[in-house]
Amino acid sequence: MAEKKLTSVLPDAVIRFFKKPSAPGILLIFVTIVALIWANSQGSNIYYELWQHKITVGFSGGVISKPLLLWINDGLMAIFFFTIGLEIKREIIAGELSTWKKAAMPLFAALGGMIIPAIIFIAFNKGTPASDGWGIPMATDIAFSLGILSLVGKKVPLTLKIFLTAFAIVDDLGAVLIIAFFYSSKIILSNVALGAFFLIVMIIMNWIGVRNKLAYAIPGIAGIWLAFLLSGVHATVAGVLAALVIPASTAINKQDFKQAIINLAGGIRASKGKETRFLSKDEQSVVTSIREKCEHVEPPLQSLEHSLHPLVMFFIMPVFALSNTGVALNTNLLKVATEPSSVGIILGLVIGKPLGIFFFSWLAHKMRIGQLPTGVNWLQIWGVGLLGGIGFTMALFITSLAYSEPALINSAKISILVASVIAGIAGYLILRKTLRH
């Protein structure tokens, strides 16, 4: 009986957990701990060999062979960046970036949060082998940051959550541009042109009114992503570009949709016949019509973003974290922490991020370009600025592009983890204190 009770309660408990705003962040923390323990255990050789195991896809004359780690970083992360592209487009069309008045403050905050950390890193690493890592402390992990903010409690003003989300989205856009222009390898223009051709095909599809999501997957994956993968431009950029041409319009307006549903529901109520588990032909016709109306009222962009969100947050990001955060801790941690690259990353994320976000937000406010979010004070801006210093997955991703030397990668990963923990705890404590009063 106890076993039956457990099985009936467990699914609901799991569902409730995954519905919490903090769930993605908690899951990433758990996966990171697993990766660190695994990479420093007696089974560490299995950990490292797993991610270097080569997987070959294709046929004779058209074969792509890459380690599992690169399939994750170039393939799964392209889906992650695709969802970022969808989110950016939605926010620009009808969200917090849709007007200059709304976008000004988050835009300035994001610029400050990218510029100041980069300057700090360059100050410590100019002319050194680690200098290419200047983009690492510019990153913000939006899932982790929002997860920590949700742990502060229900007193967090909605406007503060919107501000953090908005500047993190602009930050993501900045990261995409940095990857495209500074962290892509030798460019093969013929493959770039091929990718551009498929992008134009998708633009034409959108223009003529194609709404089938699968129809966009074919030129998006087999065309843009594959062409960019072989071009030298990082494949994740293809994900963002493909997202920007996904239709954001509806085939029926909300008012017509409501009226159509009312009429169709009336058809269901008017149907007669014996109650069975199967629908009658008339009822089935009504249900089909309702399903079609629902598809017509929901933009493909919004539908894709909604359906991909759980996949990205609860599979792709944890897999990325598991494969990228396992670092050997048998080195001299004090020595690693005092290396110029480590100092640049830690100070960039813990000091540079909140300083840049705070100062540029204050500057926008003083210049009357933007306005402080309603119900939010400047100490809380500093607090979310610290949460912006949780670089984690985005910083780890840029590390994989910036460095090829194992020692630099290892020290950068340790620095990112240390900085993200410090920034997360400090941001949480400041916001918790300010929201008590």
Protein backbone atom coordinates (compact mmCIF):
# COMPACT_ATOMS: atom_id res chain seq x y z
CA MET A 1 0.00 0.00 0.00
CA ALA A 2 2.91 2.32 0.86
CA GLU A 3 4.49 1.48 -2.50
CA LYS A 4 1.22 2.31 -4.30
CA LYS A 5 1.04 5.62 -2.43
CA LEU A 6 4.63 6.43 -3.39
CA THR A 7 4.04 5.74 -7.09
CA SER A 8 0.91 7.91 -7.08
CA VAL A 9 2.67 10.82 -5.34
CA LEU A 10 6.05 10.70 -7.12
CA PRO A 11 4.88 11.68 -10.63
CA ASP A 12 2.98 14.69 -9.23
CA ALA A 13 6.01 15.72 -7.17
CA VAL A 14 8.28 15.44 -10.21
CA ILE A 15 5.83 17.42 -12.36
CA ARG A 16 5.58 20.13 -9.68
CA PHE A 17 9.39 20.34 -9.53
CA PHE A 18 9.81 20.76 -13.29
CA LYS A 19 7.15 23.49 -13.32
CA LYS A 20 9.14 25.59 -10.82
CA PRO A 21 11.08 28.53 -12.33
CA SER A 22 14.13 27.41 -10.34
CA ALA A 23 14.06 23.84 -11.74
CA PRO A 24 16.48 24.37 -14.68
CA GLY A 25 19.03 26.04 -12.41
CA ILE A 26 18.75 23.33 -9.74
CA LEU A 27 19.12 20.62 -12.38
CA LEU A 28 22.24 22.33 -13.80
CA ILE A 29 23.77 22.53 -10.32
CA PHE A 30 23.10 18.82 -9.77
CA VAL A 31 24.55 17.83 -13.15
CA THR A 32 27.64 19.99 -12.56
CA ILE A 33 28.28 18.28 -9.21
CA VAL A 34 27.91 14.87 -10.92
CA ALA A 35 30.37 15.92 -13.66
CA LEU A 36 32.94 17.19 -11.14
CA ILE A 37 32.71 14.03 -9.01
CA TRP A 38 32.89 11.77 -12.08
CA ALA A 39 35.86 13.65 -13.60
CA ASN A 40 37.80 13.36 -10.32
CA SER A 41 36.87 9.77 -9.44
CA GLN A 42 38.49 6.44 -10.31
CA GLY A 43 36.20 6.34 -13.32
CA SER A 44 37.52 9.64 -14.72
CA ASN A 45 39.03 7.87 -17.74
CA ILE A 46 35.51 6.73 -18.72
CA TYR A 47 34.28 10.34 -18.41
CA TYR A 48 36.93 11.78 -20.73
CA GLU A 49 36.85 8.86 -23.19
CA LEU A 50 33.05 9.08 -23.48
CA TRP A 51 33.05 12.66 -24.75
CA GLN A 52 35.97 11.98 -27.13
CA HIS A 53 34.27 8.93 -28.65
CA LYS A 54 33.88 9.57 -32.38
CA ILE A 55 30.46 9.39 -33.96
CA THR A 56 30.22 9.21 -37.74
CA VAL A 57 27.14 10.33 -39.66
CA GLY A 58 26.56 10.20 -43.42
CA PHE A 59 27.18 8.04 -46.43
CA SER A 60 30.13 7.32 -48.68
CA GLY A 61 31.41 10.61 -50.09
CA GLY A 62 29.51 12.69 -47.53
CA VAL A 63 30.66 11.66 -44.06
CA ILE A 64 30.98 13.84 -40.95
CA SER A 65 32.99 12.31 -38.11
CA LYS A 66 33.27 14.21 -34.83
CA PRO A 67 33.80 13.43 -31.12
CA LEU A 68 30.59 13.26 -29.09
CA LEU A 69 31.62 16.49 -27.31
CA LEU A 70 31.59 18.40 -30.62
CA TRP A 71 28.24 16.89 -31.66
CA ILE A 72 26.89 18.33 -28.39
CA ASN A 73 28.61 21.72 -28.76
CA ASP A 74 27.93 22.12 -32.50
CA GLY A 75 24.67 20.18 -32.81
CA LEU A 76 22.61 20.26 -29.63
CA MET A 77 23.77 23.78 -28.83
CA ALA A 78 22.55 24.91 -32.26
CA ILE A 79 19.05 23.97 -31.04
CA PHE A 80 19.70 25.99 -27.87
CA PHE A 81 20.71 29.02 -29.95
CA PHE A 82 17.71 28.42 -32.21
CA THR A 83 15.42 28.89 -29.19
CA ILE A 84 17.39 32.01 -28.24
CA GLY A 85 16.76 33.33 -31.76
CA LEU A 86 13.03 32.63 -31.41
CA GLU A 87 12.99 34.42 -28.06
CA ILE A 88 14.90 37.42 -29.41
CA LYS A 89 12.51 37.76 -32.37
CA ARG A 90 9.43 37.47 -30.12
CA GLU A 91 10.76 40.11 -27.71
CA ILE A 92 11.60 42.49 -30.58
CA ILE A 93 8.16 42.08 -32.19
CA ALA A 94 5.90 42.19 -29.14
CA GLY A 95 7.95 41.96 -25.95
CA GLU A 96 10.32 43.93 -23.75
CA LEU A 97 12.45 44.97 -26.75
CA SER A 98 9.53 46.02 -28.97
CA THR A 99 9.88 49.79 -28.35
CA TRP A 100 12.89 51.98 -27.67
CA LYS A 101 11.36 53.06 -24.34
CA LYS A 102 11.15 49.44 -23.19
CA ALA A 103 14.45 48.32 -24.69
CA ALA A 104 16.72 51.24 -23.73
CA MET A 105 17.51 50.31 -20.13
CA PRO A 106 18.06 46.54 -20.72
CA LEU A 107 20.07 47.37 -23.87
CA PHE A 108 22.38 49.73 -22.00
CA ALA A 109 22.64 47.28 -19.09
CA ALA A 110 23.64 44.45 -21.43
CA LEU A 111 26.21 46.62 -23.23
CA GLY A 112 27.79 47.57 -19.92
CA GLY A 113 27.68 43.97 -18.79
CA MET A 114 29.67 42.97 -21.88
CA ILE A 115 32.09 45.89 -22.26
CA ILE A 116 33.39 46.24 -18.68
CA PRO A 117 34.12 42.50 -18.13
CA ALA A 118 35.96 42.35 -21.48
CA ILE A 119 38.08 45.39 -20.53
CA ILE A 120 38.96 43.83 -17.16
CA PHE A 121 39.96 40.55 -18.82
CA ILE A 122 42.08 42.28 -21.47
CA ALA A 123 43.80 44.37 -18.78
CA PHE A 124 45.13 41.19 -17.17
CA ASN A 125 45.76 39.14 -20.30
CA LYS A 126 46.81 41.43 -23.15
CA GLY A 127 49.69 39.89 -25.07
CA THR A 128 49.42 36.50 -23.30
CA PRO A 129 48.37 33.12 -24.80
CA ALA A 130 45.07 33.50 -22.89
CA SER A 131 44.14 36.81 -24.56
CA ASP A 132 41.61 35.16 -26.91
CA GLY A 133 39.38 34.46 -23.92
CA TRP A 134 38.15 38.07 -23.62
CA GLY A 135 34.62 36.96 -24.58
CA ILE A 136 34.32 34.49 -21.68
CA PRO A 137 33.36 36.91 -18.85
CA MET A 138 30.88 38.72 -21.13
CA ALA A 139 28.39 35.83 -20.97
CA THR A 140 25.26 35.43 -18.81
CA ASP A 141 23.48 32.14 -18.18
CA ILE A 142 19.84 33.24 -18.37
CA ALA A 143 18.39 29.97 -16.99
CA PHE A 144 20.69 29.97 -13.96
CA SER A 145 20.21 33.69 -13.28
CA LEU A 146 16.41 33.47 -13.37
CA GLY A 147 16.56 30.27 -11.31
CA ILE A 148 18.50 32.01 -8.52
CA LEU A 149 16.18 35.04 -8.69
CA SER A 150 13.16 32.74 -8.24
CA LEU A 151 14.76 31.33 -5.07
CA VAL A 152 14.67 34.82 -3.51
CA GLY A 153 10.91 34.45 -3.10
CA LYS A 154 7.57 35.85 -4.18
CA LYS A 155 8.45 39.40 -3.13
CA VAL A 156 10.63 39.86 -6.23
CA PRO A 157 8.97 42.60 -8.34
CA LEU A 158 7.79 41.38 -11.73
CA THR A 159 9.51 44.39 -13.29
CA LEU A 160 12.87 43.18 -11.89
CA LYS A 161 12.36 39.73 -13.46
CA ILE A 162 11.48 41.37 -16.77
CA PHE A 163 14.58 43.59 -16.57
CA LEU A 164 16.87 40.60 -15.91
CA THR A 165 15.25 38.58 -18.69
CA ALA A 166 15.48 41.46 -21.18
CA PHE A 167 19.14 42.33 -20.60
CA ALA A 168 20.06 38.62 -20.57
CA ILE A 169 18.38 38.21 -23.98
CA VAL A 170 20.36 41.18 -25.36
CA ASP A 171 23.44 39.62 -23.77
CA ASP A 172 22.70 36.38 -25.64
CA LEU A 173 22.40 38.35 -28.88
CA GLY A 174 25.79 39.90 -28.15
CA ALA A 175 27.25 36.44 -27.53
CA VAL A 176 25.94 35.24 -30.90
CA LEU A 177 27.56 38.20 -32.70
CA ILE A 178 30.85 37.64 -30.86
CA ILE A 179 30.85 33.95 -31.82
CA ALA A 180 30.05 34.80 -35.45
CA PHE A 181 32.71 37.50 -35.87
CA PHE A 182 35.48 36.54 -33.46
CA TYR A 183 35.26 32.83 -32.65
CA SER A 184 34.69 31.30 -36.06
CA SER A 185 37.56 29.49 -37.79
CA LYS A 186 38.82 29.92 -41.36
CA ILE A 187 35.79 30.80 -43.49
CA ILE A 188 34.92 28.77 -46.59
CA LEU A 189 32.88 31.27 -48.58
CA SER A 190 31.28 28.68 -50.89
CA ASN A 191 29.66 26.96 -47.90
CA VAL A 192 28.61 30.30 -46.42
CA ALA A 193 26.96 31.13 -49.76
CA LEU A 194 25.18 27.75 -49.71
CA GLY A 195 23.89 28.48 -46.21
CA ALA A 196 22.74 31.92 -47.35
CA PHE A 197 20.86 30.29 -50.26
CA PHE A 198 18.90 28.04 -47.89
CA LEU A 199 18.23 31.04 -45.62
CA ILE A 200 16.74 32.88 -48.60
CA VAL A 201 14.61 29.79 -49.34
CA MET A 202 13.23 29.97 -45.79
CA ILE A 203 12.57 33.71 -46.13
CA ILE A 204 10.58 33.05 -49.35
CA MET A 205 8.65 30.26 -47.59
CA ASN A 206 7.70 32.70 -44.82
CA TRP A 207 6.74 35.36 -47.40
CA ILE A 208 4.41 33.05 -49.35
CA GLY A 209 2.71 31.91 -46.14
CA VAL A 210 4.17 28.45 -45.41
CA ARG A 211 3.33 27.66 -41.76
CA ASN A 212 4.26 23.97 -41.52
CA LYS A 213 7.07 23.75 -38.97
CA LEU A 214 8.53 20.56 -40.43
CA ALA A 215 8.86 22.29 -43.81
CA TYR A 216 11.29 24.76 -42.22
CA ALA A 217 13.29 21.99 -40.53
CA ILE A 218 14.51 20.56 -43.86
CA PRO A 219 16.28 23.68 -45.22
CA GLY A 220 17.14 24.72 -41.66
CA ILE A 221 18.98 21.53 -40.68
CA ALA A 222 20.04 19.94 -43.98
CA GLY A 223 20.75 23.38 -45.45
CA ILE A 224 21.77 26.22 -43.15
CA TRP A 225 23.14 24.22 -40.19
CA LEU A 226 25.10 21.74 -42.29
CA ALA A 227 26.49 24.45 -44.59
CA PHE A 228 27.61 26.57 -41.63
CA LEU A 229 29.06 23.52 -39.86
CA LEU A 230 31.35 22.97 -42.87
CA SER A 231 31.99 26.67 -43.54
CA GLY A 232 34.09 27.71 -40.53
CA VAL A 233 31.30 29.95 -39.16
CA HIS A 234 30.19 28.32 -35.93
CA ALA A 235 27.11 26.15 -36.45
CA THR A 236 25.24 27.74 -33.55
CA VAL A 237 24.97 30.97 -35.58
CA ALA A 238 22.90 28.98 -38.08
CA GLY A 239 20.41 28.25 -35.29
CA VAL A 240 19.84 31.95 -34.62
CA LEU A 241 19.57 32.87 -38.32
CA ALA A 242 17.05 30.08 -38.95
CA ALA A 243 14.98 31.22 -35.97
CA LEU A 244 14.76 34.78 -37.26
CA VAL A 245 12.91 33.68 -40.43
CA ILE A 246 10.32 31.47 -38.68
CA PRO A 247 6.81 32.98 -39.20
CA ALA A 248 5.55 35.07 -36.29
CA SER A 249 2.12 35.84 -37.75
CA THR A 250 -1.22 34.13 -37.15
CA ALA A 251 -3.57 32.72 -39.78
CA ILE A 252 -6.61 33.88 -37.79
CA ASN A 253 -6.98 36.74 -35.30
CA LYS A 254 -7.92 36.15 -31.67
CA GLN A 255 -11.46 37.53 -31.98
CA ASP A 256 -12.32 35.30 -34.95
CA PHE A 257 -10.73 32.38 -33.12
CA LYS A 258 -12.88 32.93 -30.02
CA GLN A 259 -16.04 33.14 -32.09
CA ALA A 260 -15.12 30.03 -34.08
CA ILE A 261 -14.48 28.03 -30.88
CA ILE A 262 -17.81 29.17 -29.39
CA ASN A 263 -19.62 28.03 -32.54
CA LEU A 264 -17.78 24.70 -32.65
CA ALA A 265 -18.37 24.08 -28.93
CA GLY A 266 -22.06 24.63 -29.61
CA GLY A 267 -21.87 21.84 -32.17
CA ILE A 268 -20.50 19.48 -29.51
CA ARG A 269 -23.24 20.44 -27.03
CA ALA A 270 -25.92 19.92 -29.66
CA SER A 271 -24.69 16.44 -30.61
CA LYS A 272 -26.88 13.57 -29.45
CA GLY A 273 -26.28 9.91 -29.02
CA LYS A 274 -25.26 7.29 -26.51
CA GLU A 275 -22.21 8.11 -24.38
CA THR A 276 -19.21 5.99 -25.46
CA ARG A 277 -15.45 6.31 -25.34
CA PHE A 278 -15.39 7.05 -29.08
CA LEU A 279 -16.50 10.20 -30.83
CA SER A 280 -19.21 10.23 -33.44
CA LYS A 281 -18.28 11.39 -36.96
CA ASP A 282 -19.83 14.79 -36.31
CA GLU A 283 -18.00 15.14 -32.99
CA GLN A 284 -14.72 14.05 -34.56
CA SER A 285 -15.20 16.65 -37.30
CA VAL A 286 -15.73 19.35 -34.68
CA VAL A 287 -12.63 18.28 -32.72
CA THR A 288 -10.56 18.34 -35.93
CA SER A 289 -11.83 21.84 -36.71
CA ILE A 290 -10.97 23.02 -33.18
CA ARG A 291 -7.46 21.58 -33.55
CA GLU A 292 -7.01 23.40 -36.87
CA LYS A 293 -8.25 26.68 -35.40
CA CYS A 294 -5.79 26.31 -32.50
CA GLU A 295 -2.93 25.81 -34.96
CA HIS A 296 -4.04 28.85 -36.97
CA VAL A 297 -4.21 31.20 -33.97
CA GLU A 298 -0.76 30.24 -32.63
CA PRO A 299 2.23 31.65 -34.56
CA PRO A 300 4.73 28.93 -35.61
CA LEU A 301 7.44 30.89 -33.78
CA GLN A 302 5.56 30.77 -30.48
CA SER A 303 4.60 27.13 -30.98
CA LEU A 304 8.22 26.11 -31.62
CA GLU A 305 9.52 28.13 -28.68
CA HIS A 306 6.95 26.54 -26.36
CA SER A 307 7.62 22.97 -27.54
CA LEU A 308 11.43 23.30 -27.54
CA HIS A 309 11.70 24.96 -24.12
CA PRO A 310 11.49 21.72 -22.05
CA LEU A 311 13.91 19.94 -24.42
CA VAL A 312 16.46 22.74 -24.11
CA MET A 313 16.15 23.34 -20.37
CA PHE A 314 15.85 19.76 -19.18
CA PHE A 315 17.95 17.86 -21.72
CA ILE A 316 20.26 19.95 -23.92
CA MET A 317 21.59 22.27 -21.19
CA PRO A 318 22.12 19.47 -18.64
CA VAL A 319 23.90 17.33 -21.28
CA PHE A 320 26.07 20.30 -22.21
CA ALA A 321 26.89 20.94 -18.54
CA LEU A 322 27.65 17.25 -17.92
CA SER A 323 30.04 17.09 -20.87
CA ASN A 324 31.76 20.45 -20.32
CA THR A 325 32.05 21.03 -16.56
CA GLY A 326 34.04 17.94 -15.62
CA VAL A 327 37.45 19.42 -14.76
CA ALA A 328 40.35 17.82 -12.92
CA LEU A 329 40.73 19.37 -9.47
CA ASN A 330 44.02 17.63 -8.70
CA THR A 331 45.94 20.74 -9.75
CA ASN A 332 47.09 23.54 -7.44
CA LEU A 333 43.82 25.48 -7.21
CA LEU A 334 45.49 28.52 -5.62
CA LYS A 335 47.96 28.66 -8.49
CA VAL A 336 45.15 28.30 -11.04
CA ALA A 337 43.09 31.01 -9.34
CA THR A 338 45.98 33.50 -9.48
CA GLU A 339 46.79 32.99 -13.16
CA PRO A 340 46.05 36.11 -15.29
CA SER A 341 43.33 34.31 -17.28
CA SER A 342 41.61 33.15 -14.09
CA VAL A 343 41.83 36.57 -12.45
CA GLY A 344 40.41 38.16 -15.62
CA ILE A 345 37.47 35.74 -15.72
CA ILE A 346 36.66 35.87 -12.00
CA LEU A 347 36.95 39.67 -11.68
CA GLY A 348 35.19 40.12 -15.02
CA LEU A 349 32.15 38.12 -13.91
CA VAL A 350 32.01 39.03 -10.20
CA ILE A 351 33.01 42.72 -10.45
CA GLY A 352 32.83 43.68 -14.13
CA LYS A 353 29.34 42.33 -14.80
CA PRO A 354 27.46 44.06 -11.95
CA LEU A 355 29.57 47.23 -12.36
CA GLY A 356 28.88 47.41 -16.09
CA ILE A 357 25.16 46.64 -15.73
CA PHE A 358 24.74 49.12 -12.85
CA PHE A 359 26.79 51.98 -14.35
CA PHE A 360 25.34 51.77 -17.86
CA SER A 361 21.80 51.53 -16.43
CA TRP A 362 22.47 54.58 -14.26
CA LEU A 363 23.90 56.36 -17.33
CA ALA A 364 20.77 55.58 -19.38
CA HIS A 365 18.62 56.85 -16.49
CA LYS A 366 20.61 60.10 -16.09
CA MET A 367 20.55 60.73 -19.84
CA ARG A 368 16.77 60.13 -19.74
CA ILE A 369 17.13 57.46 -22.41
CA GLY A 370 15.72 54.74 -20.17
CA GLN A 371 13.87 54.57 -16.89
CA LEU A 372 14.33 52.53 -13.73
CA PRO A 373 11.82 49.64 -13.61
CA THR A 374 8.77 50.42 -11.44
CA GLY A 375 9.18 49.34 -7.80
CA VAL A 376 12.91 48.64 -8.23
CA ASN A 377 15.78 50.45 -6.47
CA TRP A 378 19.43 50.79 -7.46
CA LEU A 379 20.67 48.23 -4.93
CA GLN A 380 18.40 45.66 -6.58
CA ILE A 381 19.88 46.59 -9.97
CA TRP A 382 23.30 45.77 -8.48
CA GLY A 383 21.85 42.50 -7.19
CA VAL A 384 20.56 41.36 -10.59
CA GLY A 385 23.84 42.63 -12.05
CA LEU A 386 25.58 40.08 -9.86
CA LEU A 387 23.17 37.39 -11.10
CA GLY A 388 24.24 38.47 -14.59
CA GLY A 389 27.73 37.40 -13.50
CA ILE A 390 26.61 33.77 -13.48
CA GLY A 391 28.29 33.02 -16.79
CA PHE A 392 28.24 29.25 -16.41
CA THR A 393 27.00 27.43 -19.55
CA MET A 394 27.42 30.38 -21.94
CA ALA A 395 30.89 31.16 -20.57
CA LEU A 396 31.85 27.48 -20.79
CA PHE A 397 30.64 27.41 -24.38
CA ILE A 398 32.75 30.42 -25.37
CA THR A 399 35.72 28.81 -23.57
CA SER A 400 35.41 25.80 -25.89
CA LEU A 401 35.70 28.20 -28.85
CA ALA A 402 38.40 30.50 -27.48
CA TYR A 403 40.95 27.93 -26.30
CA SER A 404 42.43 24.69 -27.62
CA GLU A 405 45.17 24.33 -24.98
CA PRO A 406 43.93 21.86 -22.27
CA ALA A 407 45.59 23.78 -19.42
CA LEU A 408 43.87 27.03 -20.42
CA ILE A 409 40.51 25.28 -20.85
CA ASN A 410 40.83 23.61 -17.43
CA SER A 411 41.75 26.83 -15.58
CA ALA A 412 39.01 28.78 -17.40
CA LYS A 413 36.38 26.20 -16.44
CA ILE A 414 37.44 26.28 -12.78
CA SER A 415 37.37 30.10 -12.82
CA ILE A 416 33.90 30.16 -14.39
CA LEU A 417 32.54 27.78 -11.77
CA VAL A 418 34.12 29.77 -8.91
CA ALA A 419 32.93 33.11 -10.29
CA SER A 420 29.41 31.84 -10.98
CA VAL A 421 29.09 30.51 -7.42
CA ILE A 422 30.35 33.79 -5.90
CA ALA A 423 28.16 35.96 -8.14
CA GLY A 424 25.10 33.78 -7.55
CA ILE A 425 25.42 33.73 -3.76
CA ALA A 426 26.24 37.46 -3.53
CA GLY A 427 23.34 38.40 -5.82
CA TYR A 428 20.94 36.19 -3.88
CA LEU A 429 21.96 37.66 -0.50
CA ILE A 430 21.71 41.28 -1.67
CA LEU A 431 18.29 40.78 -3.26
CA ARG A 432 17.04 38.78 -0.26
CA LYS A 433 18.09 41.59 2.09
CA THR A 434 16.59 44.42 0.01
CA LEU A 435 13.28 42.60 -0.44
CA ARG A 436 12.78 41.99 3.28
CA HIS A 437 12.06 45.68 3.84
